[in-house]
Amino acid sequence: MIYTNDETDKTVRQKNFILTVYIIPISMILGLCIVFYLAYNANFILKKDSYYGCFFTIPFGLLLYSNQKNNWLKMPDGSYYNVKNIEPTNKTTLNEPSEYETEYYFSKKEKTNKTLIGFALILFSLWMCFKGLKTIMLAIGTIAVGAFISYGGIKGLLDKGAQLKLAKKGLWTKKLGFVDWNDIAKAQVIEDKSGRTPKTYLEIFLKGTVFALANQPDQRLFLTDIDGTEYVDLMVDNLMSKRNEITS
């Protein structure tokens, strides 16, 4: 997919961005709230269940908003470009080394903790039901949150493959495949403190991609759930500088 700055294309993209990122999530929240209100008026659920139902639609609407927004890249002219279907150009290469200097895998501790937290929420919800809690929506909402958390944990525990590999020639991720250091403009570790707890990412900027035009990383690899990444920034800088010395 090739990025164009055609004015007609820009208008269509802007409309699709507003539709998918804002209108659809807001419509989902409002639509579900209307359903809960009608269910209460028809005496299918209690009044407090309608409140709980509306409350739990908000985080799921925000999750949909976040997922949709991640599919759009903000360009220098202020427009947005859909990158959902853009495949990395470096997915396969004959230059990939047979051995890597370092390989990084999911932290079993982090994924186990998430799994246990999710199961705890589900069990707590079931316990509330057995205790005669007179609100079904609170239990359903809590079970849904617990299932979402535990799913991420279990998925990580079952994933035995490497999440990041570093070699003298380049690096490898599941999304990008192997990329030579010469094709990487920049790779940096950042700490995001915008949430309740700091999160660490490895940002990888490739050369000559649509992401490069927007000065955005081609991948933000979440490092917090990966073992042994405390010094990955030093490792990346060292290997990248050595590769540049060889080719210069």
C-alpha atoms as a PDB file:
ATOM      1  CA  MET A   1       0.000   0.000   0.000  1.00  0.00           C
ATOM      2  CA  ILE A   2       1.470   3.367  -1.065  1.00  0.00           C
ATOM      3  CA  TYR A   3       0.770   6.587   0.808  1.00  0.00           C
ATOM      4  CA  THR A   4      -0.618   9.394  -1.318  1.00  0.00           C
ATOM      5  CA  ASN A   5      -1.406  12.947  -0.357  1.00  0.00           C
ATOM      6  CA  ASP A   6      -4.187  13.383  -2.894  1.00  0.00           C
ATOM      7  CA  GLU A   7      -6.794  15.845  -1.626  1.00  0.00           C
ATOM      8  CA  THR A   8      -9.733  13.564  -2.552  1.00  0.00           C
ATOM      9  CA  ASP A   9      -8.071  10.620  -0.855  1.00  0.00           C
ATOM     10  CA  LYS A  10      -7.407  12.793   2.199  1.00  0.00           C
ATOM     11  CA  THR A  11     -11.100  13.668   2.548  1.00  0.00           C
ATOM     12  CA  VAL A  12     -12.169  10.028   2.345  1.00  0.00           C
ATOM     13  CA  ARG A  13      -9.526   8.982   4.851  1.00  0.00           C
ATOM     14  CA  GLN A  14     -10.576  11.697   7.279  1.00  0.00           C
ATOM     15  CA  LYS A  15     -14.228  10.589   7.100  1.00  0.00           C
ATOM     16  CA  ASN A  16     -13.261   6.937   7.654  1.00  0.00           C
ATOM     17  CA  PHE A  17     -11.065   7.913  10.589  1.00  0.00           C
ATOM     18  CA  ILE A  18     -13.890   9.810  12.306  1.00  0.00           C
ATOM     19  CA  LEU A  19     -16.336   6.974  11.574  1.00  0.00           C
ATOM     20  CA  THR A  20     -14.207   4.100  12.883  1.00  0.00           C
ATOM     21  CA  VAL A  21     -12.449   5.839  15.775  1.00  0.00           C
ATOM     22  CA  TYR A  22     -15.223   8.027  17.188  1.00  0.00           C
ATOM     23  CA  ILE A  23     -18.677   7.357  15.751  1.00  0.00           C
ATOM     24  CA  ILE A  24     -18.663   3.536  15.981  1.00  0.00           C
ATOM     25  CA  PRO A  25     -17.424   3.312  19.620  1.00  0.00           C
ATOM     26  CA  ILE A  26     -19.768   6.104  20.770  1.00  0.00           C
ATOM     27  CA  SER A  27     -22.675   4.489  18.913  1.00  0.00           C
ATOM     28  CA  MET A  28     -21.885   1.161  20.570  1.00  0.00           C
ATOM     29  CA  ILE A  29     -21.923   2.718  24.052  1.00  0.00           C
ATOM     30  CA  LEU A  30     -25.145   4.653  23.428  1.00  0.00           C
ATOM     31  CA  GLY A  31     -26.809   1.677  21.725  1.00  0.00           C
ATOM     32  CA  LEU A  32     -26.061  -0.680  24.624  1.00  0.00           C
ATOM     33  CA  CYS A  33     -27.215   1.904  27.159  1.00  0.00           C
ATOM     34  CA  ILE A  34     -30.517   2.200  25.270  1.00  0.00           C
ATOM     35  CA  VAL A  35     -30.851  -1.604  25.326  1.00  0.00           C
ATOM     36  CA  PHE A  36     -30.333  -1.675  29.104  1.00  0.00           C
ATOM     37  CA  TYR A  37     -32.833   1.159  29.562  1.00  0.00           C
ATOM     38  CA  LEU A  38     -35.467  -0.637  27.459  1.00  0.00           C
ATOM     39  CA  ALA A  39     -34.793  -3.887  29.337  1.00  0.00           C
ATOM     40  CA  TYR A  40     -35.365  -2.087  32.632  1.00  0.00           C
ATOM     41  CA  ASN A  41     -38.609  -0.488  31.352  1.00  0.00           C
ATOM     42  CA  ALA A  42     -39.801  -3.938  30.266  1.00  0.00           C
ATOM     43  CA  ASN A  43     -38.974  -5.285  33.760  1.00  0.00           C
ATOM     44  CA  PHE A  44     -36.390  -7.713  32.415  1.00  0.00           C
ATOM     45  CA  ILE A  45     -33.661  -6.312  34.683  1.00  0.00           C
ATOM     46  CA  LEU A  46     -33.504  -4.239  37.850  1.00  0.00           C
ATOM     47  CA  LYS A  47     -32.842  -0.519  37.783  1.00  0.00           C
ATOM     48  CA  LYS A  48     -29.377  -0.928  39.312  1.00  0.00           C
ATOM     49  CA  ASP A  49     -28.599  -3.593  36.689  1.00  0.00           C
ATOM     50  CA  SER A  50     -29.296  -1.029  33.984  1.00  0.00           C
ATOM     51  CA  TYR A  51     -26.844   1.339  35.723  1.00  0.00           C
ATOM     52  CA  TYR A  52     -24.167  -1.356  36.007  1.00  0.00           C
ATOM     53  CA  GLY A  53     -24.736  -2.339  32.383  1.00  0.00           C
ATOM     54  CA  CYS A  54     -24.200   1.229  31.202  1.00  0.00           C
ATOM     55  CA  PHE A  55     -21.128   1.552  33.412  1.00  0.00           C
ATOM     56  CA  PHE A  56     -19.435  -1.546  31.951  1.00  0.00           C
ATOM     57  CA  THR A  57     -20.093  -0.482  28.361  1.00  0.00           C
ATOM     58  CA  ILE A  58     -17.773   2.496  28.836  1.00  0.00           C
ATOM     59  CA  PRO A  59     -14.466   0.578  29.274  1.00  0.00           C
ATOM     60  CA  PHE A  60     -15.330  -1.740  26.394  1.00  0.00           C
ATOM     61  CA  GLY A  61     -16.161   1.282  24.242  1.00  0.00           C
ATOM     62  CA  LEU A  62     -12.817   2.837  25.186  1.00  0.00           C
ATOM     63  CA  LEU A  63     -11.069  -0.428  24.331  1.00  0.00           C
ATOM     64  CA  LEU A  64     -12.712  -0.402  20.893  1.00  0.00           C
ATOM     65  CA  TYR A  65     -11.707   3.253  20.468  1.00  0.00           C
ATOM     66  CA  SER A  66      -8.093   2.458  21.369  1.00  0.00           C
ATOM     67  CA  ASN A  67      -7.906  -0.519  19.006  1.00  0.00           C
ATOM     68  CA  GLN A  68      -9.392   1.466  16.129  1.00  0.00           C
ATOM     69  CA  LYS A  69      -7.115   4.457  16.737  1.00  0.00           C
ATOM     70  CA  ASN A  70      -4.042   2.223  16.630  1.00  0.00           C
ATOM     71  CA  ASN A  71      -4.978   1.400  13.025  1.00  0.00           C
ATOM     72  CA  TRP A  72      -4.556   5.027  11.996  1.00  0.00           C
ATOM     73  CA  LEU A  73      -1.330   6.967  11.554  1.00  0.00           C
ATOM     74  CA  LYS A  74      -1.340  10.744  11.865  1.00  0.00           C
ATOM     75  CA  MET A  75       0.502  12.310   8.927  1.00  0.00           C
ATOM     76  CA  PRO A  76       2.442  15.621   8.940  1.00  0.00           C
ATOM     77  CA  ASP A  77      -0.426  17.399   7.132  1.00  0.00           C
ATOM     78  CA  GLY A  78      -2.810  16.534  10.006  1.00  0.00           C
ATOM     79  CA  SER A  79      -4.709  13.845   8.101  1.00  0.00           C
ATOM     80  CA  TYR A  80      -4.864  10.182   9.124  1.00  0.00           C
ATOM     81  CA  TYR A  81      -3.744   7.145   7.157  1.00  0.00           C
ATOM     82  CA  ASN A  82      -5.015   3.607   7.751  1.00  0.00           C
ATOM     83  CA  VAL A  83      -2.062   1.257   8.370  1.00  0.00           C
ATOM     84  CA  LYS A  84      -4.037  -1.825   9.428  1.00  0.00           C
ATOM     85  CA  ASN A  85      -3.388  -3.744   6.216  1.00  0.00           C
ATOM     86  CA  ILE A  86       0.178  -2.572   5.642  1.00  0.00           C
ATOM     87  CA  GLU A  87       2.509  -5.567   5.836  1.00  0.00           C
ATOM     88  CA  PRO A  88       6.134  -5.022   6.935  1.00  0.00           C
ATOM     89  CA  THR A  89       8.481  -5.067   3.947  1.00  0.00           C
ATOM     90  CA  ASN A  90      11.190  -6.908   5.898  1.00  0.00           C
ATOM     91  CA  LYS A  91       9.127  -9.927   6.964  1.00  0.00           C
ATOM     92  CA  THR A  92      11.508 -12.385   5.306  1.00  0.00           C
ATOM     93  CA  THR A  93      15.119 -11.942   4.245  1.00  0.00           C
ATOM     94  CA  LEU A  94      18.021 -14.123   3.143  1.00  0.00           C
ATOM     95  CA  ASN A  95      20.346 -12.140   5.407  1.00  0.00           C
ATOM     96  CA  GLU A  96      18.799 -13.428   8.638  1.00  0.00           C
ATOM     97  CA  PRO A  97      21.532 -14.965  10.841  1.00  0.00           C
ATOM     98  CA  SER A  98      21.311 -18.589  11.943  1.00  0.00           C
ATOM     99  CA  GLU A  99      22.119 -17.575  15.528  1.00  0.00           C
ATOM    100  CA  TYR A 100      21.277 -14.509  17.596  1.00  0.00           C
ATOM    101  CA  GLU A 101      23.260 -12.814  20.334  1.00  0.00           C
ATOM    102  CA  THR A 102      20.273 -12.571  22.665  1.00  0.00           C
ATOM    103  CA  GLU A 103      16.658 -13.735  22.646  1.00  0.00           C
ATOM    104  CA  TYR A 104      13.888 -12.422  24.884  1.00  0.00           C
ATOM    105  CA  TYR A 105      10.758 -14.295  25.956  1.00  0.00           C
ATOM    106  CA  PHE A 106       7.560 -13.492  27.835  1.00  0.00           C
ATOM    107  CA  SER A 107       7.940 -13.265  31.614  1.00  0.00           C
ATOM    108  CA  LYS A 108       6.171 -16.284  33.111  1.00  0.00           C
ATOM    109  CA  LYS A 109       5.808 -14.396  36.379  1.00  0.00           C
ATOM    110  CA  GLU A 110       4.000 -11.461  34.758  1.00  0.00           C
ATOM    111  CA  LYS A 111       1.727 -13.695  32.685  1.00  0.00           C
ATOM    112  CA  THR A 112       0.988 -15.959  35.671  1.00  0.00           C
ATOM    113  CA  ASN A 113       0.052 -12.948  37.798  1.00  0.00           C
ATOM    114  CA  LYS A 114      -2.333 -11.705  35.111  1.00  0.00           C
ATOM    115  CA  THR A 115      -3.903 -15.142  34.793  1.00  0.00           C
ATOM    116  CA  LEU A 116      -4.412 -15.412  38.559  1.00  0.00           C
ATOM    117  CA  ILE A 117      -5.868 -11.903  38.805  1.00  0.00           C
ATOM    118  CA  GLY A 118      -8.330 -12.728  36.019  1.00  0.00           C
ATOM    119  CA  PHE A 119      -9.372 -16.002  37.655  1.00  0.00           C
ATOM    120  CA  ALA A 120      -9.719 -14.234  41.015  1.00  0.00           C
ATOM    121  CA  LEU A 121     -12.165 -11.736  39.510  1.00  0.00           C
ATOM    122  CA  ILE A 122     -14.182 -14.536  37.926  1.00  0.00           C
ATOM    123  CA  LEU A 123     -14.312 -16.539  41.188  1.00  0.00           C
ATOM    124  CA  PHE A 124     -15.248 -13.408  43.131  1.00  0.00           C
ATOM    125  CA  SER A 125     -18.131 -12.777  40.735  1.00  0.00           C
ATOM    126  CA  LEU A 126     -19.359 -16.364  41.077  1.00  0.00           C
ATOM    127  CA  TRP A 127     -19.088 -16.089  44.864  1.00  0.00           C
ATOM    128  CA  MET A 128     -21.206 -12.926  44.793  1.00  0.00           C
ATOM    129  CA  CYS A 129     -23.836 -14.784  42.757  1.00  0.00           C
ATOM    130  CA  PHE A 130     -23.964 -17.658  45.230  1.00  0.00           C
ATOM    131  CA  LYS A 131     -24.243 -15.149  48.056  1.00  0.00           C
ATOM    132  CA  GLY A 132     -27.480 -13.942  46.548  1.00  0.00           C
ATOM    133  CA  LEU A 133     -26.262 -10.682  45.054  1.00  0.00           C
ATOM    134  CA  LYS A 134     -29.320  -9.075  43.517  1.00  0.00           C
ATOM    135  CA  THR A 135     -27.602  -7.677  40.451  1.00  0.00           C
ATOM    136  CA  ILE A 136     -26.716  -9.840  37.478  1.00  0.00           C
ATOM    137  CA  MET A 137     -24.971  -7.144  35.425  1.00  0.00           C
ATOM    138  CA  LEU A 138     -22.297  -6.462  38.066  1.00  0.00           C
ATOM    139  CA  ALA A 139     -21.416 -10.157  38.095  1.00  0.00           C
ATOM    140  CA  ILE A 140     -21.437 -10.427  34.281  1.00  0.00           C
ATOM    141  CA  GLY A 141     -19.305  -7.298  33.901  1.00  0.00           C
ATOM    142  CA  THR A 142     -16.738  -8.479  36.452  1.00  0.00           C
ATOM    143  CA  ILE A 143     -16.579 -11.930  34.843  1.00  0.00           C
ATOM    144  CA  ALA A 144     -15.998 -10.317  31.443  1.00  0.00           C
ATOM    145  CA  VAL A 145     -13.142  -8.200  32.816  1.00  0.00           C
ATOM    146  CA  GLY A 146     -11.621 -11.219  34.550  1.00  0.00           C
ATOM    147  CA  ALA A 147     -11.899 -13.331  31.399  1.00  0.00           C
ATOM    148  CA  PHE A 148     -10.212 -10.601  29.348  1.00  0.00           C
ATOM    149  CA  ILE A 149      -7.291 -10.336  31.799  1.00  0.00           C
ATOM    150  CA  SER A 150      -6.843 -14.089  32.215  1.00  0.00           C
ATOM    151  CA  TYR A 151      -7.009 -14.617  28.423  1.00  0.00           C
ATOM    152  CA  GLY A 152      -4.014 -12.316  27.953  1.00  0.00           C
ATOM    153  CA  GLY A 153      -2.118 -14.136  30.689  1.00  0.00           C
ATOM    154  CA  ILE A 154      -2.874 -17.637  29.397  1.00  0.00           C
ATOM    155  CA  LYS A 155      -2.055 -16.615  25.825  1.00  0.00           C
ATOM    156  CA  GLY A 156       1.343 -15.363  27.001  1.00  0.00           C
ATOM    157  CA  LEU A 157       2.047 -18.529  29.009  1.00  0.00           C
ATOM    158  CA  LEU A 158       1.293 -20.714  25.984  1.00  0.00           C
ATOM    159  CA  ASP A 159       3.499 -18.605  23.704  1.00  0.00           C
ATOM    160  CA  LYS A 160       6.916 -20.261  23.944  1.00  0.00           C
ATOM    161  CA  GLY A 161       8.461 -18.314  21.075  1.00  0.00           C
ATOM    162  CA  ALA A 162      10.856 -15.390  21.332  1.00  0.00           C
ATOM    163  CA  GLN A 163       9.366 -11.896  21.280  1.00  0.00           C
ATOM    164  CA  LEU A 164      12.621 -10.118  20.410  1.00  0.00           C
ATOM    165  CA  LYS A 165      15.942 -11.331  19.016  1.00  0.00           C
ATOM    166  CA  LEU A 166      19.126  -9.286  18.698  1.00  0.00           C
ATOM    167  CA  ALA A 167      22.062 -10.135  16.424  1.00  0.00           C
ATOM    168  CA  LYS A 168      25.166  -8.411  15.108  1.00  0.00           C
ATOM    169  CA  LYS A 169      23.417  -7.911  11.762  1.00  0.00           C
ATOM    170  CA  GLY A 170      20.036  -6.740  13.031  1.00  0.00           C
ATOM    171  CA  LEU A 171      16.994  -7.502  15.136  1.00  0.00           C
ATOM    172  CA  TRP A 172      13.918  -9.713  14.846  1.00  0.00           C
ATOM    173  CA  THR A 173      10.348  -9.295  16.086  1.00  0.00           C
ATOM    174  CA  LYS A 174       7.187 -11.229  15.266  1.00  0.00           C
ATOM    175  CA  LYS A 175       5.689  -8.238  13.501  1.00  0.00           C
ATOM    176  CA  LEU A 176       8.681  -7.089  11.445  1.00  0.00           C
ATOM    177  CA  GLY A 177      10.609 -10.304  11.025  1.00  0.00           C
ATOM    178  CA  PHE A 178      14.384  -9.833  10.687  1.00  0.00           C
ATOM    179  CA  VAL A 179      15.563  -6.309   9.923  1.00  0.00           C
ATOM    180  CA  ASP A 180      19.176  -5.354   9.210  1.00  0.00           C
ATOM    181  CA  TRP A 181      20.515  -2.556  11.402  1.00  0.00           C
ATOM    182  CA  ASN A 182      21.248  -0.639   8.184  1.00  0.00           C
ATOM    183  CA  ASP A 183      17.503  -0.537   7.476  1.00  0.00           C
ATOM    184  CA  ILE A 184      16.698   0.846  10.938  1.00  0.00           C
ATOM    185  CA  ALA A 185      16.774   4.610  11.363  1.00  0.00           C
ATOM    186  CA  LYS A 186      16.415   4.473  15.132  1.00  0.00           C
ATOM    187  CA  ALA A 187      15.624   2.035  17.936  1.00  0.00           C
ATOM    188  CA  GLN A 188      14.978   3.388  21.384  1.00  0.00           C
ATOM    189  CA  VAL A 189      13.565   2.258  24.730  1.00  0.00           C
ATOM    190  CA  ILE A 190      10.991   4.624  26.242  1.00  0.00           C
ATOM    191  CA  GLU A 191       9.021   4.623  29.470  1.00  0.00           C
ATOM    192  CA  ASP A 192       5.354   5.583  29.248  1.00  0.00           C
ATOM    193  CA  LYS A 193       4.150   7.099  32.529  1.00  0.00           C
ATOM    194  CA  SER A 194       0.726   8.189  31.295  1.00  0.00           C
ATOM    195  CA  GLY A 195      -1.061   5.285  33.016  1.00  0.00           C
ATOM    196  CA  ARG A 196      -1.313   4.191  36.632  1.00  0.00           C
ATOM    197  CA  THR A 197       1.916   2.196  36.336  1.00  0.00           C
ATOM    198  CA  PRO A 198       4.916   2.965  34.074  1.00  0.00           C
ATOM    199  CA  LYS A 199       5.206   0.826  30.941  1.00  0.00           C
ATOM    200  CA  THR A 200       8.328   0.233  28.872  1.00  0.00           C
ATOM    201  CA  TYR A 201       8.425  -0.036  25.076  1.00  0.00           C
ATOM    202  CA  LEU A 202      11.050  -0.577  22.406  1.00  0.00           C
ATOM    203  CA  GLU A 203      10.289   1.777  19.515  1.00  0.00           C
ATOM    204  CA  ILE A 204      11.654   0.659  16.144  1.00  0.00           C
ATOM    205  CA  PHE A 205      11.846   3.208  13.316  1.00  0.00           C
ATOM    206  CA  LEU A 206      12.519   1.738   9.860  1.00  0.00           C
ATOM    207  CA  LYS A 207      13.816   3.673   6.881  1.00  0.00           C
ATOM    208  CA  GLY A 208      11.628   4.506   3.885  1.00  0.00           C
ATOM    209  CA  THR A 209       8.213   3.470   5.236  1.00  0.00           C
ATOM    210  CA  VAL A 210       4.952   5.388   5.619  1.00  0.00           C
ATOM    211  CA  PHE A 211       5.690   5.485   9.360  1.00  0.00           C
ATOM    212  CA  ALA A 212       8.966   7.266   8.614  1.00  0.00           C
ATOM    213  CA  LEU A 213       7.013   9.979   6.759  1.00  0.00           C
ATOM    214  CA  ALA A 214       4.981  10.539   9.926  1.00  0.00           C
ATOM    215  CA  ASN A 215       8.055  10.255  12.196  1.00  0.00           C
ATOM    216  CA  GLN A 216       6.368   7.374  14.039  1.00  0.00           C
ATOM    217  CA  PRO A 217       7.775   3.954  14.972  1.00  0.00           C
ATOM    218  CA  ASP A 218       6.938   0.981  12.758  1.00  0.00           C
ATOM    219  CA  GLN A 219       6.548  -1.024  15.958  1.00  0.00           C
ATOM    220  CA  ARG A 220       6.213  -0.290  19.667  1.00  0.00           C
ATOM    221  CA  LEU A 221       7.205  -3.554  21.332  1.00  0.00           C
ATOM    222  CA  PHE A 222       5.816  -3.858  24.867  1.00  0.00           C
ATOM    223  CA  LEU A 223       8.799  -4.810  27.061  1.00  0.00           C
ATOM    224  CA  THR A 224       7.163  -4.805  30.499  1.00  0.00           C
ATOM    225  CA  ASP A 225       5.899  -8.388  30.068  1.00  0.00           C
ATOM    226  CA  ILE A 226       9.211  -9.645  28.608  1.00  0.00           C
ATOM    227  CA  ASP A 227      11.996 -11.098  30.754  1.00  0.00           C
ATOM    228  CA  GLY A 228      15.518  -9.682  30.957  1.00  0.00           C
ATOM    229  CA  THR A 229      14.979  -6.454  29.009  1.00  0.00           C
ATOM    230  CA  GLU A 230      16.497  -4.139  31.637  1.00  0.00           C
ATOM    231  CA  TYR A 231      19.565  -3.469  29.490  1.00  0.00           C
ATOM    232  CA  VAL A 232      18.080  -4.017  26.047  1.00  0.00           C
ATOM    233  CA  ASP A 233      18.647  -0.350  25.167  1.00  0.00           C
ATOM    234  CA  LEU A 234      22.404  -0.687  25.772  1.00  0.00           C
ATOM    235  CA  MET A 235      22.466  -3.938  23.789  1.00  0.00           C
ATOM    236  CA  VAL A 236      20.638  -2.334  20.858  1.00  0.00           C
ATOM    237  CA  ASP A 237      22.906   0.744  20.830  1.00  0.00           C
ATOM    238  CA  ASN A 238      26.031  -1.408  20.997  1.00  0.00           C
ATOM    239  CA  LEU A 239      25.044  -3.780  18.192  1.00  0.00           C
ATOM    240  CA  MET A 240      23.710  -0.976  15.991  1.00  0.00           C
ATOM    241  CA  SER A 241      26.895   1.081  16.334  1.00  0.00           C
ATOM    242  CA  LYS A 242      29.093  -1.931  15.573  1.00  0.00           C
ATOM    243  CA  ARG A 243      27.059  -2.711  12.453  1.00  0.00           C
ATOM    244  CA  ASN A 244      27.443   0.877  11.283  1.00  0.00           C
ATOM    245  CA  GLU A 245      31.219   0.701  11.828  1.00  0.00           C
ATOM    246  CA  ILE A 246      31.466  -2.429   9.667  1.00  0.00           C
ATOM    247  CA  THR A 247      29.457  -0.968   6.768  1.00  0.00           C
ATOM    248  CA  SER A 248      30.915   2.552   6.889  1.00  0.00           C
END
